[in-house]
Structure formats: C-alpha cells, structure tokens
C-alpha cells in the first residue's frame, strides 16, 4: 500500500475552481449520472441519541423531505409554525434533489408541529426533549444511490457486466493504494453551490469585510446552467444593481436573494444587514467554503506532487480518529523522521490519519514538503495576509482547523437496477447527454449502498467510481 493517487483527464472549470481534481486509482471509471430522478438518491441520518423528556421544552421530529434544500425547508417550516427560523435545530444540511430523513428539534408545541402539512414532507413527532442539536451532532449518514447511464470514455453505453467489473476493479485498487474502505476526503461540490459555486466567492469578500461585494456576489453571480428567469434576474442586478424592476424579475423561490434585494431597497447602504438576511448557517458556510477550497487544492497539489495521502511523510500533521470516525484536530502532532515508522503503523490501523488545512487565525501547518505545498496554495489564493477575524459579524471569525486527507466508508454493497426511462426521470435525463458528458440512457444502472461518517461526502466517494464531469454528480 503506497497511499498515492492519480490525476486524470476528466476535469472541468468547476472542478479546477474548487480543487476537486484527481482520483485514488488509475482506472477508467463507469461514467453515469446521479439524481436522474429524485428517488435515486436517499439519505438517512444516523443520529446521536437524544434524551427524551415529557417535560422538555423542545419537540423532536423525524422528518422526511423529498426534493427540498434543508435551509429553504426550514424557512417554510418556520412560517408554517409562525416561529422564528432560529428556533429550528438540525445536525446537517442534506442534498436537495434527494429523499432525506433526519431529526429536527423544534422550539414549538408537539401538536403544532404534528399539524403542519407541506408538500413532499413527512413529519413524525417522536417526543420532547431539553436538548438542542447543532451542526455535526450526528454519527453519520446511510446512503442508497443509483448511478444511471454508465458509459465508456467515448460516451457509448456500458453493459452491466462491464460496469460491475470496473466498479470491482476500482474498489480493489483503491483498497490496495489507500487501505480497506478508504477514499480521499475531498469536500464535495455541494459545499460550494451546485451549478453556481458561489459560497467560496462570497467567503473571500466576507473575510475581507467587503460587504457590498459579498452581497452582490451572492445575489448576482452567474450560474453555469441557469433557468431563463433566474438568468434574467441576475443579469439585471449585475447591470443595474438592486432595483424594484429586478425584484419583479426574481422567481419567488429565490427567497434569500429576494430578501437581500428588499433590504437594500429599504436601506441602500446597509450591506451587512442585507448579508444577515441569509440564515446563520449559510452565512457561516461561505467562510467554510473558502477554507474548503484551500483543503481541496492542497490535497490535489499533494497528489500532483506524487506524495502519498493515506501514509504520512516527515513534516505531516497527523491526528487521532475517535469512535465516530471523526478527526480530533486538537490532537494533531508533527511527524518526525524518528516517529515516522510508529505513526505510519497507527495510520494503517486507522488510529491516526494524515491531515490537510482548513485555514484560520491560529491554523497549524505542516513542515517539510507538505508544508511547502500548503503555504503555496494559501499564498496563491492571496490568503497569506488574511487574519480570518470578521469584526462586523464576529461569529464568522475562525481560528482554523485540520481535516483528514482520507476517510472511511462502511457496509458498501453494490448491485444493479433496471434501466428506467419514464415520466419520473428529471429534465437532465430527458434532454439527453450533452457535449463533454459521460453518460448514456442505455447504459447500465448501478446501485451503491454505504455509510459515511459525519462530514464526508457521498458524491466524492461515487466520483471515484464514476470519473466524469462534476456536473453529473
């Protein structure tokens, strides 16, 4: 096991922008597309146990969402309950075009929660508690995901036999290079905004405290394949700024953008106030997304330099892994030549893991070649002089941390499902593959079932098997 990985010809502008280049294996992949229909992507949260108490202040509910973005659901849920949005608590945002099940803790009476009716939402009230839950307060997620339309590199359909054989080959080679059930811990494209990688761009302006640019970037930055009405709205704002005419162009479902524009029309110079119209967790995600680009680019640069990612080298920072599969960032220590053999053994046993940077005001960096790579990325992104302290909104300040370069998947099961081509398929599927796509409607359909710990991305695991453009994730 050498702990290395490979670069590939399959990349695109989005992949390069967020540093999501390279794969763990030197294989061909199966292509295909995710979320061809909503029910092809299912996520069940594995929750941390909550202590129930009949006298508790909060209501606990298991909620199943179909094709709902978590923040937008919470906004609508809060309206239905007639409570502020910040009285709804959950452990993590899930994929939008999916069927997701997770726990919510709501500061509202049980009866009121149970009576809420919303389209494509199932609410099961479990009881009451005194506990809130916060971001990352879950053990992981169980995924059932179908990759449809597997295709060869030239776009021709891949048979079931060929697709299954390639999947098995990738799994075996990944285990040989990185260790059993291990894959690169890339931060997935949804962290940056699917189709419109806006969050990290906004984050750059947040840490520079250029609030006008932060707000205008969120409202008006152009997406890669926008609907005509969304394109018209954003183009109008880019040309004319926030106006009543622009607000009329904005689709109702662009709720965050609409509220920001409305605020600026009432208070034209209050860009901090406009930014605060975003939910608190989404405000924080803009900074996290910028940190995430640094991490991905550092991981990519390490692969590009031919360095191992699951096996440490002298100068690396390694940290302990807890029983939930989470890195204990405060435990990180530098690897020295004299400690390298012992630390390498502990990495192979899954007790320790190599790490990459999520920079902040107090970030520790590697030494040696690893440290040079990290420093070059931070300097190349013009972040070397940033102090990561946000005075206008102090809770967005960050001291920085480390993230594991590799992570585990568990209970992986792979089988095939029949090819489908009915009315339940999404518009992308009905439109057929475009230029530079790698999928075919007559290609095999492979179903993956697995568990990931909190903070790991199903899309980046499946990307190792698919090896196509990010637009197909």
Protein backbone atom coordinates (compact mmCIF):
# COMPACT_ATOMS: atom_id res chain seq x y z
CA UNK A 1 0.00 0.00 0.00
CA UNK A 2 1.67 3.23 -1.09
CA UNK A 3 -1.05 5.70 -0.18
CA UNK A 4 -0.83 7.51 -3.54
CA UNK A 5 -3.40 8.70 -6.06
CA UNK A 6 -3.62 9.81 -9.67
CA UNK A 7 -4.59 12.80 -11.77
CA UNK A 8 -6.93 12.38 -14.72
CA UNK A 9 -8.03 13.93 -17.97
CA UNK A 10 -11.64 14.19 -16.70
CA UNK A 11 -11.89 17.66 -15.24
CA UNK A 12 -13.82 20.88 -15.89
CA UNK A 13 -13.91 24.53 -14.89
CA UNK A 14 -15.87 23.86 -11.69
CA UNK A 15 -13.51 21.04 -10.65
CA UNK A 16 -10.49 23.27 -11.16
CA UNK A 17 -12.09 26.20 -9.30
CA UNK A 18 -12.74 24.13 -6.18
CA UNK A 19 -9.60 21.97 -6.43
CA UNK A 20 -11.54 18.74 -6.97
CA UNK A 21 -9.06 17.11 -9.37
CA UNK A 22 -7.52 13.65 -9.35
CA UNK A 23 -8.63 10.18 -8.28
CA UNK A 24 -7.38 7.48 -5.95
CA UNK A 25 -6.91 4.96 -8.76
CA UNK A 26 -5.52 4.74 -12.27
CA UNK A 27 -8.74 3.31 -13.71
CA UNK A 28 -11.35 4.25 -16.31
CA UNK A 29 -14.48 4.69 -14.19
CA UNK A 30 -18.06 3.95 -15.24
CA UNK A 31 -19.36 7.45 -16.01
CA UNK A 32 -23.09 7.78 -15.44
CA UNK A 33 -25.19 10.42 -13.76
CA UNK A 34 -26.57 10.90 -10.24
CA UNK A 35 -30.08 12.08 -9.32
CA UNK A 36 -31.58 11.22 -12.69
CA UNK A 37 -34.71 11.07 -10.59
CA UNK A 38 -35.20 12.29 -7.03
CA UNK A 39 -35.74 8.81 -5.56
CA UNK A 40 -32.35 7.66 -6.91
CA UNK A 41 -30.59 9.48 -4.05
CA UNK A 42 -31.65 8.55 -0.50
CA UNK A 43 -30.03 9.74 2.72
CA UNK A 44 -30.91 8.51 6.21
CA UNK A 45 -29.21 10.36 9.03
CA UNK A 46 -27.66 8.20 11.77
CA UNK A 47 -28.49 10.40 14.72
CA UNK A 48 -26.72 10.81 18.01
CA UNK A 49 -29.17 9.59 20.70
CA UNK A 50 -31.34 12.34 22.17
CA UNK A 51 -32.59 12.08 25.76
CA UNK A 52 -36.39 12.31 25.68
CA UNK A 53 -38.29 14.03 28.48
CA UNK A 54 -42.07 14.56 28.53
CA UNK A 55 -41.48 17.88 30.28
CA UNK A 56 -38.90 19.01 27.72
CA UNK A 57 -39.17 22.40 26.08
CA UNK A 58 -38.44 21.20 22.54
CA UNK A 59 -40.28 18.88 20.13
CA UNK A 60 -38.26 16.13 18.45
CA UNK A 61 -39.41 15.05 14.97
CA UNK A 62 -38.12 12.70 12.30
CA UNK A 63 -38.75 14.48 9.01
CA UNK A 64 -38.53 13.01 5.52
CA UNK A 65 -38.02 15.54 2.72
CA UNK A 66 -38.35 14.87 -0.99
CA UNK A 67 -36.55 17.37 -3.25
CA UNK A 68 -36.15 20.02 -0.54
CA UNK A 69 -33.00 22.05 0.20
CA UNK A 70 -32.65 21.97 4.00
CA UNK A 71 -32.41 25.74 4.59
CA UNK A 72 -35.36 26.52 2.33
CA UNK A 73 -37.41 23.83 4.08
CA UNK A 74 -36.59 25.38 7.47
CA UNK A 75 -37.70 28.81 6.28
CA UNK A 76 -41.04 27.43 5.08
CA UNK A 77 -41.42 25.23 8.17
CA UNK A 78 -40.85 28.25 10.42
CA UNK A 79 -43.51 30.23 8.53
CA UNK A 80 -45.99 27.35 8.89
CA UNK A 81 -45.29 27.19 12.64
CA UNK A 82 -45.28 31.00 12.98
CA UNK A 83 -41.94 30.92 14.82
CA UNK A 84 -38.53 32.47 14.05
CA UNK A 85 -36.26 30.39 11.81
CA UNK A 86 -33.61 30.20 14.55
CA UNK A 87 -35.92 28.08 16.73
CA UNK A 88 -35.45 25.07 14.44
CA UNK A 89 -32.33 22.94 15.01
CA UNK A 90 -30.77 20.15 12.93
CA UNK A 91 -27.42 18.38 12.63
CA UNK A 92 -26.58 18.90 8.96
CA UNK A 93 -27.79 20.08 5.56
CA UNK A 94 -28.61 17.31 3.10
CA UNK A 95 -28.69 17.08 -0.70
CA UNK A 96 -31.62 18.90 -2.31
CA UNK A 97 -32.53 16.59 -5.18
CA UNK A 98 -32.94 13.57 -2.93
CA UNK A 99 -35.14 11.81 -0.40
CA UNK A 100 -33.66 12.65 3.01
CA UNK A 101 -34.59 11.62 6.54
CA UNK A 102 -33.21 13.35 9.63
CA UNK A 103 -34.01 14.58 13.12
CA UNK A 104 -35.16 18.13 13.79
CA UNK A 105 -35.53 19.74 17.23
CA UNK A 106 -38.17 22.48 17.21
CA UNK A 107 -38.94 25.09 19.84
CA UNK A 108 -42.71 24.70 19.41
CA UNK A 109 -45.52 22.54 20.88
CA UNK A 110 -45.81 18.92 19.68
CA UNK A 111 -49.40 19.38 18.50
CA UNK A 112 -48.46 22.42 16.42
CA UNK A 113 -45.57 20.55 14.75
CA UNK A 114 -47.73 17.48 14.04
CA UNK A 115 -50.40 19.62 12.35
CA UNK A 116 -48.03 21.13 9.77
CA UNK A 117 -48.75 19.99 6.23
CA UNK A 118 -46.28 20.77 3.46
CA UNK A 119 -45.82 19.20 0.00
CA UNK A 120 -43.29 16.34 -0.14
CA UNK A 121 -42.73 16.49 3.63
CA UNK A 122 -43.49 13.70 6.13
CA UNK A 123 -43.33 14.65 9.82
CA UNK A 124 -43.19 12.02 12.56
CA UNK A 125 -43.20 13.55 16.05
CA UNK A 126 -41.07 11.42 18.41
CA UNK A 127 -41.49 13.28 21.70
CA UNK A 128 -40.00 16.11 23.70
CA UNK A 129 -36.52 16.95 24.99
CA UNK A 130 -34.50 19.60 26.79
CA UNK A 131 -31.65 19.12 24.26
CA UNK A 132 -30.92 21.23 21.21
CA UNK A 133 -28.85 19.70 18.42
CA UNK A 134 -26.19 21.51 16.44
CA UNK A 135 -24.28 21.19 13.18
CA UNK A 136 -22.34 17.91 13.03
CA UNK A 137 -24.26 16.47 16.01
CA UNK A 138 -24.88 13.12 14.28
CA UNK A 139 -22.89 9.93 13.80
CA UNK A 140 -23.11 9.80 10.02
CA UNK A 141 -25.43 9.04 7.12
CA UNK A 142 -26.66 5.90 5.39
CA UNK A 143 -26.89 6.31 1.60
CA UNK A 144 -28.70 4.42 -1.15
CA UNK A 145 -27.73 5.94 -4.50
CA UNK A 146 -28.26 4.84 -8.11
CA UNK A 147 -25.76 5.78 -10.82
CA UNK A 148 -27.70 5.69 -14.11
CA UNK A 149 -26.50 5.58 -17.69
CA UNK A 150 -22.98 4.17 -17.21
CA UNK A 151 -20.84 4.90 -20.26
CA UNK A 152 -17.35 4.33 -21.62
CA UNK A 153 -14.93 7.21 -22.08
CA UNK A 154 -16.20 7.74 -25.64
CA UNK A 155 -19.82 8.07 -24.47
CA UNK A 156 -21.02 4.67 -25.68
CA UNK A 157 -23.25 2.73 -23.27
CA UNK A 158 -21.56 0.37 -20.81
CA UNK A 159 -23.06 -3.06 -20.23
CA UNK A 160 -23.99 -4.26 -16.76
CA UNK A 161 -21.15 -6.80 -16.83
CA UNK A 162 -18.55 -4.21 -17.86
CA UNK A 163 -19.80 -1.66 -15.31
CA UNK A 164 -19.78 -4.11 -12.41
CA UNK A 165 -16.32 -5.38 -13.36
CA UNK A 166 -14.94 -1.81 -13.46
CA UNK A 167 -16.53 -0.96 -10.10
CA UNK A 168 -14.92 -4.05 -8.54
CA UNK A 169 -11.56 -3.13 -10.10
CA UNK A 170 -11.73 0.41 -8.70
CA UNK A 171 -12.69 -0.87 -5.25
CA UNK A 172 -9.78 -3.35 -5.22
CA UNK A 173 -7.21 -0.81 -6.46
CA UNK A 174 -8.40 1.86 -4.01
CA UNK A 175 -8.02 -0.64 -1.14
CA UNK A 176 -4.52 -1.59 -2.32
CA UNK A 177 -3.38 2.05 -2.53
CA UNK A 178 -5.16 3.67 0.43
CA UNK A 179 -6.28 0.80 2.69
CA UNK A 180 -9.57 -1.10 3.04
CA UNK A 181 -12.74 1.01 2.85
CA UNK A 182 -10.73 4.22 2.43
CA UNK A 183 -11.04 7.09 -0.09
CA UNK A 184 -9.76 10.69 -0.46
CA UNK A 185 -11.67 13.01 1.87
CA UNK A 186 -12.46 15.64 -0.78
CA UNK A 187 -15.02 18.30 0.13
CA UNK A 188 -17.87 17.81 -2.31
CA UNK A 189 -19.23 20.29 -4.86
CA UNK A 190 -22.44 20.90 -2.89
CA UNK A 191 -20.38 22.77 -0.27
CA UNK A 192 -19.65 25.38 -2.97
CA UNK A 193 -23.12 25.63 -4.54
CA UNK A 194 -24.30 23.13 -7.12
CA UNK A 195 -24.20 24.69 -10.59
CA UNK A 196 -23.22 28.08 -9.08
CA UNK A 197 -20.10 27.77 -6.91
CA UNK A 198 -20.93 30.99 -5.12
CA UNK A 199 -20.28 30.28 -1.44
CA UNK A 200 -16.47 30.39 -1.53
CA UNK A 201 -16.52 33.50 -3.73
CA UNK A 202 -18.74 35.21 -1.17
CA UNK A 203 -16.45 33.92 1.60
CA UNK A 204 -13.46 35.76 0.09
CA UNK A 205 -15.34 39.04 0.44
CA UNK A 206 -16.63 38.19 3.93
CA UNK A 207 -13.16 37.69 5.40
CA UNK A 208 -12.02 40.88 3.62
CA UNK A 209 -15.14 42.58 5.09
CA UNK A 210 -16.11 43.91 1.68
CA UNK A 211 -19.81 43.51 2.39
CA UNK A 212 -21.04 45.14 -0.80
CA UNK A 213 -19.12 42.61 -2.91
CA UNK A 214 -20.21 39.76 -0.63
CA UNK A 215 -23.89 40.63 -1.03
CA UNK A 216 -23.77 41.45 -4.74
CA UNK A 217 -21.82 38.26 -5.48
CA UNK A 218 -24.43 36.15 -3.69
CA UNK A 219 -27.32 37.87 -5.45
CA UNK A 220 -25.90 38.27 -8.94
CA UNK A 221 -23.08 35.82 -9.67
CA UNK A 222 -23.92 33.91 -12.84
CA UNK A 223 -24.57 30.17 -12.62
CA UNK A 224 -23.44 27.56 -15.13
CA UNK A 225 -26.87 26.43 -16.39
CA UNK A 226 -29.50 28.79 -15.03
CA UNK A 227 -33.19 28.90 -15.87
CA UNK A 228 -34.10 31.81 -18.15
CA UNK A 229 -35.92 33.71 -15.37
CA UNK A 230 -33.03 33.32 -12.93
CA UNK A 231 -30.54 34.38 -15.61
CA UNK A 232 -32.60 37.48 -16.42
CA UNK A 233 -32.81 38.47 -12.75
CA UNK A 234 -29.09 38.05 -12.03
CA UNK A 235 -28.09 39.79 -15.27
CA UNK A 236 -30.34 42.73 -14.40
CA UNK A 237 -28.74 43.08 -10.94
CA UNK A 238 -25.23 42.85 -12.40
CA UNK A 239 -26.06 45.70 -14.80
CA UNK A 240 -28.33 47.93 -12.71
CA UNK A 241 -27.81 46.90 -9.08
CA UNK A 242 -30.76 46.18 -6.74
CA UNK A 243 -33.92 47.72 -8.21
CA UNK A 244 -37.70 47.27 -7.97
CA UNK A 245 -37.67 46.10 -11.59
CA UNK A 246 -35.07 43.48 -10.75
CA UNK A 247 -37.08 42.29 -7.78
CA UNK A 248 -40.07 41.72 -10.05
CA UNK A 249 -37.87 39.52 -12.26
CA UNK A 250 -36.73 37.33 -9.34
CA UNK A 251 -38.58 33.99 -9.09
CA UNK A 252 -40.36 33.53 -5.75
CA UNK A 253 -38.23 30.51 -4.88
CA UNK A 254 -35.09 32.69 -4.80
CA UNK A 255 -36.15 33.69 -1.29
CA UNK A 256 -32.73 34.60 0.07
CA UNK A 257 -31.87 36.80 -2.91
CA UNK A 258 -35.27 38.48 -2.82
CA UNK A 259 -34.95 39.32 0.88
CA UNK A 260 -31.47 40.76 0.34
CA UNK A 261 -32.71 42.97 -2.51
CA UNK A 262 -35.74 44.09 -0.48
CA UNK A 263 -33.45 45.06 2.39
CA UNK A 264 -31.18 47.08 0.09
CA UNK A 265 -34.15 48.88 -1.46
CA UNK A 266 -35.23 49.93 2.06
CA UNK A 267 -31.67 50.61 3.30
CA UNK A 268 -29.43 51.12 0.27
CA UNK A 269 -26.08 51.24 2.11
CA UNK A 270 -26.70 48.54 4.72
CA UNK A 271 -24.84 45.65 3.10
CA UNK A 272 -24.08 43.96 6.43
CA UNK A 273 -27.81 43.94 7.17
CA UNK A 274 -28.52 42.52 3.72
CA UNK A 275 -25.96 39.75 4.26
CA UNK A 276 -27.65 38.88 7.54
CA UNK A 277 -30.81 38.02 5.60
CA UNK A 278 -29.06 34.73 4.87
CA UNK A 279 -29.66 32.00 7.51
CA UNK A 280 -26.90 31.90 10.11
CA UNK A 281 -25.58 28.51 8.99
CA UNK A 282 -25.43 29.66 5.37
CA UNK A 283 -23.51 32.80 6.41
CA UNK A 284 -21.00 30.55 8.16
CA UNK A 285 -20.87 28.21 5.17
CA UNK A 286 -19.42 31.00 2.99
CA UNK A 287 -16.31 31.08 5.21
CA UNK A 288 -16.21 27.30 5.47
CA UNK A 289 -16.41 27.01 1.68
CA UNK A 290 -13.37 29.25 1.26
CA UNK A 291 -11.46 27.11 3.75
CA UNK A 292 -12.66 24.06 1.82
CA UNK A 293 -11.14 25.30 -1.45
CA UNK A 294 -7.79 25.56 0.33
CA UNK A 295 -8.16 21.99 1.61
CA UNK A 296 -9.15 20.54 -1.79
CA UNK A 297 -6.38 22.39 -3.60
CA UNK A 298 -3.84 21.23 -1.03
CA UNK A 299 -4.99 17.62 -1.43
CA UNK A 300 -4.86 17.98 -5.22
CA UNK A 301 -1.37 19.52 -5.10
CA UNK A 302 -0.17 16.69 -2.88
CA UNK A 303 -1.48 14.14 -5.40
CA UNK A 304 0.09 16.13 -8.23
CA UNK A 305 3.46 16.06 -6.43
CA UNK A 306 3.29 12.26 -6.27
CA UNK A 307 3.08 12.24 -2.47
CA UNK A 308 1.04 9.65 -0.52
CA UNK A 309 -2.23 10.79 1.04
CA UNK A 310 -3.08 7.94 3.43
CA UNK A 311 0.52 7.29 4.51
CA UNK A 312 2.39 10.05 6.39
CA UNK A 313 5.73 11.56 5.47
CA UNK A 314 8.08 13.52 7.73
CA UNK A 315 6.66 17.00 8.34
CA UNK A 316 2.99 15.94 8.14
CA UNK A 317 0.46 16.79 10.84
CA UNK A 318 -1.44 13.65 11.92
CA UNK A 319 -4.32 13.37 14.36
CA UNK A 320 -6.35 10.80 16.26
CA UNK A 321 -9.60 9.32 14.95
CA UNK A 322 -12.40 8.87 17.52
CA UNK A 323 -15.05 6.16 17.75
CA UNK A 324 -17.37 8.16 15.45
CA UNK A 325 -14.69 8.26 12.73
CA UNK A 326 -14.04 11.96 13.41
CA UNK A 327 -10.63 13.62 13.50
CA UNK A 328 -9.66 15.05 16.87
CA UNK A 329 -7.98 18.14 15.43
CA UNK A 330 -6.59 19.27 18.79
CA UNK A 331 -4.55 16.05 18.94
CA UNK A 332 -2.52 16.78 15.79
CA UNK A 333 1.26 16.37 16.04
CA UNK A 334 4.08 16.83 13.54
CA UNK A 335 5.68 13.67 12.16
CA UNK A 336 9.44 13.47 12.61
CA UNK A 337 11.82 11.01 10.96
CA UNK A 338 12.28 9.16 14.26
CA UNK A 339 8.49 8.86 14.84
CA UNK A 340 7.58 8.08 11.22
CA UNK A 341 7.61 4.23 11.49
CA UNK A 342 5.36 4.19 14.59
CA UNK A 343 2.96 6.82 13.22
CA UNK A 344 2.76 5.02 9.87
CA UNK A 345 1.69 1.80 11.64
CA UNK A 346 -1.01 3.70 13.55
CA UNK A 347 -2.25 5.26 10.30
CA UNK A 348 -2.53 1.78 8.73
CA UNK A 349 -4.53 0.60 11.77
CA UNK A 350 -6.92 3.57 11.45
CA UNK A 351 -5.96 5.13 14.78
CA UNK A 352 -4.25 8.16 13.23
CA UNK A 353 -4.76 9.98 9.95
CA UNK A 354 -2.88 12.44 7.76
CA UNK A 355 -4.43 15.92 7.59
CA UNK A 356 -4.78 18.99 5.39
CA UNK A 357 -5.51 22.65 6.20
CA UNK A 358 -8.77 24.48 6.85
CA UNK A 359 -7.01 27.81 7.48
CA UNK A 360 -7.84 30.41 10.11
CA UNK A 361 -6.24 32.82 12.56
CA UNK A 362 -4.47 30.06 14.53
CA UNK A 363 -4.02 27.33 11.90
CA UNK A 364 -1.10 24.95 12.31
CA UNK A 365 0.61 23.94 9.08
CA UNK A 366 2.75 21.00 8.12
CA UNK A 367 6.50 21.21 7.83
CA UNK A 368 8.82 19.99 5.06
CA UNK A 369 7.43 19.29 1.57
CA UNK A 370 3.83 19.05 2.85
CA UNK A 371 4.15 22.47 4.50
CA UNK A 372 5.58 23.99 1.31
CA UNK A 373 2.57 22.70 -0.64
CA UNK A 374 0.07 24.13 1.84
CA UNK A 375 1.84 27.50 2.02
CA UNK A 376 1.95 27.75 -1.79
CA UNK A 377 -1.81 27.15 -2.05
CA UNK A 378 -2.64 29.73 0.62
CA UNK A 379 -0.33 32.30 -0.99
CA UNK A 380 -1.63 31.50 -4.49
CA UNK A 381 -5.17 32.24 -3.28
CA UNK A 382 -3.93 35.53 -1.75
CA UNK A 383 -4.94 34.42 1.74
CA UNK A 384 -1.50 34.58 3.38
CA UNK A 385 -2.15 38.03 4.89
CA UNK A 386 -5.75 37.34 5.95
CA UNK A 387 -6.38 37.22 9.71
CA UNK A 388 -9.78 35.42 9.40
CA UNK A 389 -11.34 37.75 12.01
CA UNK A 390 -14.69 39.20 10.88
CA UNK A 391 -15.34 42.26 13.01
CA UNK A 392 -18.81 43.12 11.66
CA UNK A 393 -20.10 39.59 12.38
CA UNK A 394 -17.67 38.08 14.92
CA UNK A 395 -19.24 34.59 14.91
CA UNK A 396 -17.96 34.21 11.32
CA UNK A 397 -14.36 34.52 12.54
CA UNK A 398 -12.43 31.24 12.55
CA UNK A 399 -9.28 30.01 14.22
CA UNK A 400 -8.93 27.28 11.58
CA UNK A 401 -8.52 23.55 11.97
CA UNK A 402 -7.31 20.42 10.17
CA UNK A 403 -9.25 17.88 8.12
CA UNK A 404 -8.37 14.24 7.44
CA UNK A 405 -6.92 13.68 3.95
CA UNK A 406 -8.65 10.30 3.74
CA UNK A 407 -11.81 8.86 5.32
CA UNK A 408 -13.66 5.55 5.54
CA UNK A 409 -16.82 4.14 4.02
CA UNK A 410 -18.59 1.19 5.63
CA UNK A 411 -21.09 -1.53 4.72
CA UNK A 412 -20.58 -0.96 0.98
CA UNK A 413 -22.99 -3.04 -1.11
CA UNK A 414 -23.19 -2.78 -4.89
CA UNK A 415 -25.81 -4.24 -7.24
CA UNK A 416 -27.68 -3.37 -10.42
CA UNK A 417 -31.16 -2.00 -11.04
CA UNK A 418 -33.20 -2.00 -14.27
CA UNK A 419 -32.77 0.80 -16.82
CA UNK A 420 -35.61 3.30 -16.40
CA UNK A 421 -36.90 5.87 -18.86
CA UNK A 422 -40.29 7.03 -17.63
CA UNK A 423 -42.00 10.24 -16.56
CA UNK A 424 -40.30 10.16 -13.15
CA UNK A 425 -36.95 10.98 -14.75
CA UNK A 426 -35.64 14.53 -14.40
CA UNK A 427 -35.21 17.13 -17.12
CA UNK A 428 -31.47 16.48 -17.49
CA UNK A 429 -32.15 12.82 -18.29
CA UNK A 430 -34.95 13.66 -20.70
CA UNK A 431 -32.69 16.16 -22.50
CA UNK A 432 -30.05 13.50 -23.10
CA UNK A 433 -26.28 13.76 -22.73
CA UNK A 434 -24.68 16.99 -23.90
CA UNK A 435 -21.24 17.79 -25.20
CA UNK A 436 -18.44 16.60 -22.89
CA UNK A 437 -20.87 14.49 -20.89
CA UNK A 438 -20.11 10.90 -19.99
CA UNK A 439 -23.39 9.05 -19.70
CA UNK A 440 -25.80 7.23 -22.00
CA UNK A 441 -29.52 6.46 -21.43
CA UNK A 442 -28.97 2.85 -22.49
CA UNK A 443 -26.04 2.31 -20.11
CA UNK A 444 -26.08 0.12 -17.02
CA UNK A 445 -27.54 1.36 -13.73
CA UNK A 446 -25.58 0.58 -10.57
CA UNK A 447 -26.89 0.95 -7.02
CA UNK A 448 -24.46 1.78 -4.19
CA UNK A 449 -25.35 1.42 -0.51
CA UNK A 450 -22.93 2.56 2.19
CA UNK A 451 -22.41 4.51 5.41
CA UNK A 452 -20.22 7.60 5.81
CA UNK A 453 -19.25 9.43 8.99
CA UNK A 454 -20.41 13.00 9.53
CA UNK A 455 -18.57 15.49 7.31
CA UNK A 456 -17.76 13.06 4.47
CA UNK A 457 -19.40 13.36 1.05
CA UNK A 458 -21.22 10.58 -0.80
CA UNK A 459 -20.72 12.44 -4.07
CA UNK A 460 -16.93 12.37 -3.72
CA UNK A 461 -16.94 8.62 -3.00
CA UNK A 462 -19.10 7.97 -6.06
CA UNK A 463 -16.91 10.32 -8.09
CA UNK A 464 -14.06 7.81 -7.54
CA UNK A 465 -16.16 5.17 -9.31
CA UNK A 466 -17.78 7.41 -11.97
CA UNK A 467 -14.84 9.60 -13.06
CA UNK A 468 -16.84 12.04 -15.16
CA UNK A 469 -17.55 15.79 -15.09
CA UNK A 470 -18.75 17.25 -11.79
CA UNK A 471 -21.98 18.31 -13.48
CA UNK A 472 -23.02 14.63 -13.47
CA UNK A 473 -22.82 14.35 -9.66
